[in-house]
């Protein structure tokens, strides 16, 4: 619930308050959003008051720091007031900057470690109840990376991607594996698509924009290719005769159908299950189906259900594969679609 009264005024101040060093400035908005969201007692609002001491600006600095100490660090009001009172007025921007950095270092792990643990150990339940957004940062190859795990208060999703210089979010890090995009126009033979041998315990792609995921999985072994229909022409060219009447469908739908008829990995897992997660024409085709002359295990997503993401999590030595969809611009809607693709 949005804060009212003095707390609301302090949060407005906190979002733009000058702080030093300037590297702490990007913590102001997420901290204020977090404070706006957590329950804080009326006693804290009363305890924040600085009376008529100092100027309006210095009072707001001190009130903001008391609010952070009590609301996020659970410091008793009297101790928080005592801690803030030690600073001279001229030291307040630096004191607030240090406090914001401490929130990032101390409080954010307490906020984010539990949901990351839930995702790692119980991905089905977590993904059913929590919106995600995944990205590849600046990575263009498939490889291990230290991913950043953060919560976006405005859009209400957990963001997971390798570091990006211009992303100023409060996060924790975890080891992930980036599954890079393969352009369909660059594939010489759809029956021999090079997949990434996913390492570690979590494999992620960037957002699926008409893309198809090809996977081969067996226990702790997983190979994945993320194929993007970057040009409609190559996707529709030389289609199998059985798909000739469906060439006019959106390129992502045609790609998924084509791969179910012709697609395969050049490096599948020995004894593994082969399958596809790709765009389909309507919601009736999203569930598991056997498609094409080889009866390929296929799951689908529809563009009307929002952005689609693929994530693989290894639990107790075996991979679990999921596709989630959500509308990032409609945070109140929650998860619009979730499929456990494997097992």
Protein backbone atom coordinates (compact mmCIF):
# COMPACT_ATOMS: atom_id res chain seq x y z
CA UNK A 1 0.00 0.00 0.00
CA UNK A 2 1.34 3.42 -0.96
CA UNK A 3 2.53 5.45 1.99
CA UNK A 4 0.75 8.60 3.13
CA UNK A 5 1.65 11.72 5.11
CA UNK A 6 5.23 12.29 6.23
CA UNK A 7 6.40 8.95 4.86
CA UNK A 8 5.11 9.78 1.38
CA UNK A 9 6.85 13.16 1.48
CA UNK A 10 10.12 11.56 2.56
CA UNK A 11 9.91 8.95 -0.20
CA UNK A 12 9.41 11.69 -2.80
CA UNK A 13 12.51 13.41 -1.42
CA UNK A 14 14.52 10.19 -1.34
CA UNK A 15 13.96 9.49 -5.05
CA UNK A 16 16.01 12.55 -6.07
CA UNK A 17 18.01 13.47 -2.95
CA UNK A 18 21.60 14.50 -3.76
CA UNK A 19 23.97 11.86 -2.33
CA UNK A 20 27.66 11.15 -2.49
CA UNK A 21 29.32 9.32 -4.01
CA UNK A 22 27.22 9.67 -7.14
CA UNK A 23 27.49 5.89 -7.64
CA UNK A 24 24.90 5.58 -4.84
CA UNK A 25 22.33 7.62 -6.77
CA UNK A 26 20.93 4.63 -8.64
CA UNK A 27 19.98 3.01 -5.31
CA UNK A 28 17.57 5.84 -4.45
CA UNK A 29 14.61 4.70 -6.55
CA UNK A 30 14.65 0.97 -5.70
CA UNK A 31 15.10 1.72 -1.99
CA UNK A 32 12.20 4.19 -2.03
CA UNK A 33 10.02 1.69 -3.91
CA UNK A 34 10.87 -1.04 -1.41
CA UNK A 35 10.05 1.26 1.51
CA UNK A 36 6.76 2.18 -0.15
CA UNK A 37 5.87 -1.50 -0.33
CA UNK A 38 6.83 -2.88 3.10
CA UNK A 39 4.57 -2.44 6.16
CA UNK A 40 5.89 0.30 8.45
CA UNK A 41 4.19 1.23 11.73
CA UNK A 42 2.74 4.63 12.55
CA UNK A 43 5.20 4.77 15.43
CA UNK A 44 8.06 4.98 12.92
CA UNK A 45 6.39 7.89 11.16
CA UNK A 46 6.09 9.70 14.47
CA UNK A 47 9.67 8.83 15.41
CA UNK A 48 10.98 10.27 12.14
CA UNK A 49 9.92 13.79 13.03
CA UNK A 50 12.73 16.31 13.41
CA UNK A 51 10.52 19.10 14.71
CA UNK A 52 11.86 22.45 13.54
CA UNK A 53 15.54 21.59 13.83
CA UNK A 54 17.72 22.51 10.84
CA UNK A 55 16.27 23.29 7.43
CA UNK A 56 13.49 21.55 5.55
CA UNK A 57 16.12 19.76 3.46
CA UNK A 58 18.25 18.57 6.38
CA UNK A 59 15.12 17.35 8.15
CA UNK A 60 14.19 15.28 5.09
CA UNK A 61 17.67 13.71 4.99
CA UNK A 62 17.41 12.65 8.63
CA UNK A 63 13.83 11.43 8.25
CA UNK A 64 14.82 9.37 5.20
CA UNK A 65 17.68 7.70 7.06
CA UNK A 66 15.49 6.91 10.07
CA UNK A 67 12.90 5.43 7.71
CA UNK A 68 15.54 3.20 6.08
CA UNK A 69 16.98 2.07 9.41
CA UNK A 70 13.60 1.24 10.90
CA UNK A 71 11.76 0.04 7.78
CA UNK A 72 14.46 -2.13 6.20
CA UNK A 73 17.02 -2.80 8.95
CA UNK A 74 14.45 -3.21 11.74
CA UNK A 75 16.44 -0.88 14.00
CA UNK A 76 14.47 0.39 17.05
CA UNK A 77 13.29 3.97 16.62
CA UNK A 78 15.35 5.37 19.50
CA UNK A 79 18.54 3.80 18.19
CA UNK A 80 17.82 5.03 14.65
CA UNK A 81 17.30 8.58 15.87
CA UNK A 82 20.52 8.39 17.87
CA UNK A 83 22.47 7.07 14.88
CA UNK A 84 21.21 9.83 12.58
CA UNK A 85 21.74 12.60 15.14
CA UNK A 86 25.52 12.08 15.05
CA UNK A 87 25.85 13.57 11.55
CA UNK A 88 26.54 17.23 10.91
CA UNK A 89 24.23 18.83 8.34
CA UNK A 90 27.04 19.05 5.79
CA UNK A 91 27.70 15.30 6.12
CA UNK A 92 24.11 14.23 5.38
CA UNK A 93 24.46 13.58 1.58
CA UNK A 94 27.44 11.30 2.22
CA UNK A 95 25.72 9.60 5.15
CA UNK A 96 22.62 8.86 3.07
CA UNK A 97 24.79 7.62 0.18
CA UNK A 98 26.60 5.24 2.51
CA UNK A 99 23.31 4.01 3.94
CA UNK A 100 21.90 3.34 0.48
CA UNK A 101 25.02 1.34 -0.42
CA UNK A 102 24.65 -0.62 2.83
CA UNK A 103 21.07 -1.49 1.91
CA UNK A 104 22.38 -2.92 -1.35
CA UNK A 105 25.09 -4.88 0.46
CA UNK A 106 23.22 -6.06 3.56
CA UNK A 107 19.45 -5.86 3.09
CA UNK A 108 19.07 -6.84 -0.57
CA UNK A 109 20.56 -10.35 -0.04
CA UNK A 110 17.99 -10.88 2.72
CA UNK A 111 15.26 -9.90 0.27
CA UNK A 112 16.48 -11.81 -2.78
CA UNK A 113 18.20 -14.95 -1.50
CA UNK A 114 14.94 -16.66 -0.43
CA UNK A 115 13.19 -16.36 -3.83
CA UNK A 116 16.36 -17.38 -5.67
CA UNK A 117 16.55 -20.45 -3.43
CA UNK A 118 12.90 -21.19 -4.18
CA UNK A 119 13.56 -20.97 -7.92
CA UNK A 120 16.58 -23.26 -7.58
CA UNK A 121 14.85 -25.98 -5.55
CA UNK A 122 11.19 -25.72 -6.56
CA UNK A 123 11.06 -24.04 -9.97
CA UNK A 124 7.56 -25.19 -10.90
CA UNK A 125 5.93 -23.54 -7.89
CA UNK A 126 8.10 -20.45 -8.11
CA UNK A 127 7.44 -19.85 -11.81
CA UNK A 128 3.72 -20.40 -11.39
CA UNK A 129 3.53 -17.56 -8.88
CA UNK A 130 6.29 -15.15 -9.88
CA UNK A 131 6.83 -13.25 -13.12
CA UNK A 132 10.31 -13.37 -14.62
CA UNK A 133 12.23 -11.54 -17.28
CA UNK A 134 15.47 -12.94 -18.68
CA UNK A 135 18.16 -11.42 -20.85
CA UNK A 136 21.63 -12.09 -22.19
CA UNK A 137 23.21 -8.81 -21.10
CA UNK A 138 25.95 -8.16 -23.64
CA UNK A 139 26.73 -11.86 -24.18
CA UNK A 140 26.59 -13.11 -27.76
CA UNK A 141 27.85 -16.64 -27.14
CA UNK A 142 26.67 -19.60 -25.09
CA UNK A 143 28.70 -19.74 -21.90
CA UNK A 144 28.72 -19.56 -18.13
CA UNK A 145 28.21 -16.17 -16.55
CA UNK A 146 27.63 -14.55 -13.19
CA UNK A 147 23.97 -13.58 -13.57
CA UNK A 148 22.33 -10.75 -11.66
CA UNK A 149 19.05 -11.55 -9.90
CA UNK A 150 16.93 -8.51 -9.04
CA UNK A 151 13.35 -7.48 -8.33
CA UNK A 152 11.66 -4.73 -10.32
CA UNK A 153 9.12 -3.05 -8.04
CA UNK A 154 7.38 -1.18 -10.87
CA UNK A 155 6.82 -4.12 -13.23
CA UNK A 156 6.80 -6.74 -10.46
CA UNK A 157 9.06 -9.33 -12.00
CA UNK A 158 12.37 -10.95 -11.17
CA UNK A 159 15.03 -9.99 -13.71
CA UNK A 160 17.83 -12.42 -14.50
CA UNK A 161 20.65 -11.56 -16.86
CA UNK A 162 24.42 -11.19 -17.04
CA UNK A 163 25.76 -7.78 -15.98
CA UNK A 164 24.84 -4.77 -18.11
CA UNK A 165 26.69 -1.52 -17.47
CA UNK A 166 23.64 0.72 -17.80
CA UNK A 167 21.38 -1.42 -15.57
CA UNK A 168 21.45 0.20 -12.15
CA UNK A 169 19.51 -2.31 -10.12
CA UNK A 170 19.98 -3.76 -6.66
CA UNK A 171 20.82 -7.42 -7.09
CA UNK A 172 22.53 -10.56 -5.93
CA UNK A 173 24.59 -12.81 -8.17
CA UNK A 174 24.25 -16.46 -9.11
CA UNK A 175 25.98 -18.74 -11.63
CA UNK A 176 23.94 -19.16 -14.80
CA UNK A 177 24.46 -20.36 -18.35
CA UNK A 178 23.53 -18.08 -21.25
CA UNK A 179 22.03 -19.93 -24.22
CA UNK A 180 22.81 -17.71 -27.19
CA UNK A 181 20.53 -16.96 -30.14
CA UNK A 182 21.01 -18.76 -33.46
CA UNK A 183 19.64 -16.93 -36.50
CA UNK A 184 17.62 -19.23 -38.75
CA UNK A 185 18.95 -17.44 -41.81
CA UNK A 186 22.44 -18.66 -40.88
CA UNK A 187 21.49 -22.33 -40.51
CA UNK A 188 22.68 -24.36 -43.48
CA UNK A 189 20.74 -27.49 -42.58
CA UNK A 190 17.81 -27.47 -40.11
CA UNK A 191 18.50 -31.13 -39.39
CA UNK A 192 21.96 -30.25 -37.98
CA UNK A 193 21.56 -27.30 -35.63
CA UNK A 194 24.37 -26.80 -33.14
CA UNK A 195 23.06 -26.68 -29.58
CA UNK A 196 24.71 -25.46 -26.39
CA UNK A 197 25.71 -28.05 -23.81
CA UNK A 198 24.29 -26.34 -20.74
CA UNK A 199 26.61 -26.28 -17.75
CA UNK A 200 25.83 -25.65 -14.09
CA UNK A 201 22.35 -25.70 -12.60
CA UNK A 202 20.47 -22.98 -14.49
CA UNK A 203 20.22 -22.30 -18.22
CA UNK A 204 18.52 -19.19 -19.59
CA UNK A 205 17.72 -17.57 -22.90
CA UNK A 206 16.74 -14.03 -23.66
CA UNK A 207 13.11 -13.25 -24.49
CA UNK A 208 11.53 -15.42 -27.20
CA UNK A 209 10.28 -13.29 -30.09
CA UNK A 210 8.79 -15.92 -32.37
CA UNK A 211 11.79 -18.09 -31.49
CA UNK A 212 11.85 -21.84 -31.06
CA UNK A 213 13.76 -23.78 -28.44
CA UNK A 214 15.13 -27.16 -29.47
CA UNK A 215 16.29 -29.36 -26.59
CA UNK A 216 17.70 -32.79 -25.94
CA UNK A 217 17.72 -33.84 -22.30
CA UNK A 218 18.55 -36.88 -20.24
CA UNK A 219 19.00 -36.53 -16.48
CA UNK A 220 21.87 -34.14 -15.77
CA UNK A 221 22.68 -33.65 -19.47
CA UNK A 222 21.03 -30.93 -21.55
CA UNK A 223 21.65 -29.49 -25.01
CA UNK A 224 19.60 -26.45 -26.14
CA UNK A 225 19.41 -24.35 -29.30
CA UNK A 226 17.56 -21.01 -29.33
CA UNK A 227 16.53 -20.39 -32.96
CA UNK A 228 15.32 -16.95 -34.03
CA UNK A 229 13.27 -16.37 -37.24
CA UNK A 230 15.27 -13.24 -37.98
CA UNK A 231 14.10 -13.10 -41.60
CA UNK A 232 10.71 -14.33 -42.79
CA UNK A 233 11.97 -15.24 -46.27
CA UNK A 234 14.37 -18.05 -45.27
CA UNK A 235 11.84 -19.41 -42.77
CA UNK A 236 9.20 -19.78 -45.49
CA UNK A 237 11.54 -20.91 -48.30
CA UNK A 238 11.60 -24.57 -49.36
CA UNK A 239 8.99 -25.67 -46.86
CA UNK A 240 8.09 -29.36 -46.68
CA UNK A 241 5.04 -30.04 -48.88
CA UNK A 242 2.93 -30.78 -45.80
CA UNK A 243 3.40 -27.17 -44.65
CA UNK A 244 2.79 -25.43 -47.99
CA UNK A 245 -0.70 -24.26 -47.01
CA UNK A 246 0.62 -22.77 -43.74
CA UNK A 247 3.32 -20.54 -45.24
CA UNK A 248 1.21 -17.44 -44.60
CA UNK A 249 1.21 -17.90 -40.83
CA UNK A 250 3.47 -15.66 -38.69
CA UNK A 251 7.17 -16.52 -39.17
CA UNK A 252 7.51 -17.80 -35.59
CA UNK A 253 4.64 -20.24 -36.07
CA UNK A 254 6.04 -21.43 -39.40
CA UNK A 255 9.47 -21.87 -37.81
CA UNK A 256 8.14 -24.11 -35.03
CA UNK A 257 6.20 -26.25 -37.52
CA UNK A 258 9.17 -26.46 -39.86
CA UNK A 259 11.52 -27.55 -37.09
CA UNK A 260 9.02 -30.21 -36.01
CA UNK A 261 9.16 -31.56 -39.55
CA UNK A 262 12.83 -31.02 -40.40
CA UNK A 263 14.70 -29.82 -37.34
CA UNK A 264 17.22 -31.64 -35.19
CA UNK A 265 20.32 -31.02 -33.14
CA UNK A 266 23.77 -31.89 -34.44
CA UNK A 267 24.89 -32.78 -30.90
CA UNK A 268 21.96 -34.40 -29.07
CA UNK A 269 22.33 -36.01 -25.66
CA UNK A 270 22.82 -39.77 -25.84
CA UNK A 271 19.52 -41.44 -25.08
CA UNK A 272 17.90 -38.05 -24.54
CA UNK A 273 14.37 -36.80 -25.10
CA UNK A 274 14.11 -34.40 -28.04
CA UNK A 275 11.52 -31.65 -28.09
CA UNK A 276 10.55 -28.15 -29.20
CA UNK A 277 9.07 -25.11 -27.47
CA UNK A 278 7.92 -22.60 -30.06
CA UNK A 279 5.29 -20.14 -31.15
CA UNK A 280 1.87 -21.54 -32.10
CA UNK A 281 -1.16 -20.09 -33.84
CA UNK A 282 -3.61 -20.16 -30.93
CA UNK A 283 -3.94 -21.19 -27.29
CA UNK A 284 -5.48 -24.55 -28.23
CA UNK A 285 -2.06 -25.65 -29.50
CA UNK A 286 0.05 -24.61 -26.51
CA UNK A 287 -0.12 -27.89 -24.59
CA UNK A 288 2.10 -30.88 -25.30
CA UNK A 289 1.48 -32.34 -28.75
CA UNK A 290 3.20 -34.75 -31.09
CA UNK A 291 3.89 -32.83 -34.29
CA UNK A 292 5.22 -33.74 -37.72
CA UNK A 293 6.05 -37.06 -39.35
CA UNK A 294 8.37 -37.96 -36.45
CA UNK A 295 5.85 -37.12 -33.73
CA UNK A 296 8.12 -34.54 -32.12
CA UNK A 297 7.28 -33.63 -28.53
CA UNK A 298 6.15 -30.00 -28.88
CA UNK A 299 4.91 -27.25 -26.54
CA UNK A 300 3.83 -23.80 -27.65
CA UNK A 301 3.33 -20.19 -26.65
CA UNK A 302 1.07 -17.52 -28.15
CA UNK A 303 2.01 -13.88 -28.62
CA UNK A 304 -1.28 -12.75 -27.06
CA UNK A 305 -0.15 -14.09 -23.65
CA UNK A 306 2.76 -11.64 -23.41
CA UNK A 307 6.52 -12.06 -23.49
CA UNK A 308 7.78 -15.65 -23.45
CA UNK A 309 10.84 -16.95 -21.62
CA UNK A 310 12.61 -20.31 -21.43
CA UNK A 311 14.45 -21.42 -18.32
CA UNK A 312 16.08 -24.72 -17.36
CA UNK A 313 16.78 -25.60 -13.73
CA UNK A 314 18.65 -28.67 -12.55
CA UNK A 315 17.06 -30.07 -9.39
CA UNK A 316 18.55 -33.07 -7.56
CA UNK A 317 20.68 -33.94 -10.58
CA UNK A 318 17.97 -33.78 -13.26
CA UNK A 319 16.95 -30.94 -15.55
CA UNK A 320 13.50 -29.40 -15.48
CA UNK A 321 12.48 -27.17 -18.40
CA UNK A 322 9.88 -24.41 -18.32
CA UNK A 323 8.27 -21.78 -20.52
CA UNK A 324 6.66 -18.76 -18.86
CA UNK A 325 4.71 -15.86 -20.31
CA UNK A 326 3.69 -12.55 -18.76
CA UNK A 327 2.71 -9.05 -19.81
CA UNK A 328 5.46 -6.79 -18.41
CA UNK A 329 3.29 -3.70 -18.81
CA UNK A 330 0.48 -5.25 -16.74
CA UNK A 331 2.12 -6.06 -13.40
CA UNK A 332 -1.15 -6.74 -11.61
CA UNK A 333 -1.96 -9.66 -13.94
CA UNK A 334 0.74 -11.99 -12.66
CA UNK A 335 1.85 -14.98 -14.75
CA UNK A 336 -0.31 -15.39 -17.87
CA UNK A 337 0.97 -18.82 -18.90
CA UNK A 338 3.34 -21.46 -17.57
CA UNK A 339 4.29 -24.81 -19.01
CA UNK A 340 6.59 -27.43 -17.60
CA UNK A 341 8.13 -28.57 -20.84
CA UNK A 342 10.14 -31.43 -19.34
CA UNK A 343 9.77 -33.86 -17.69
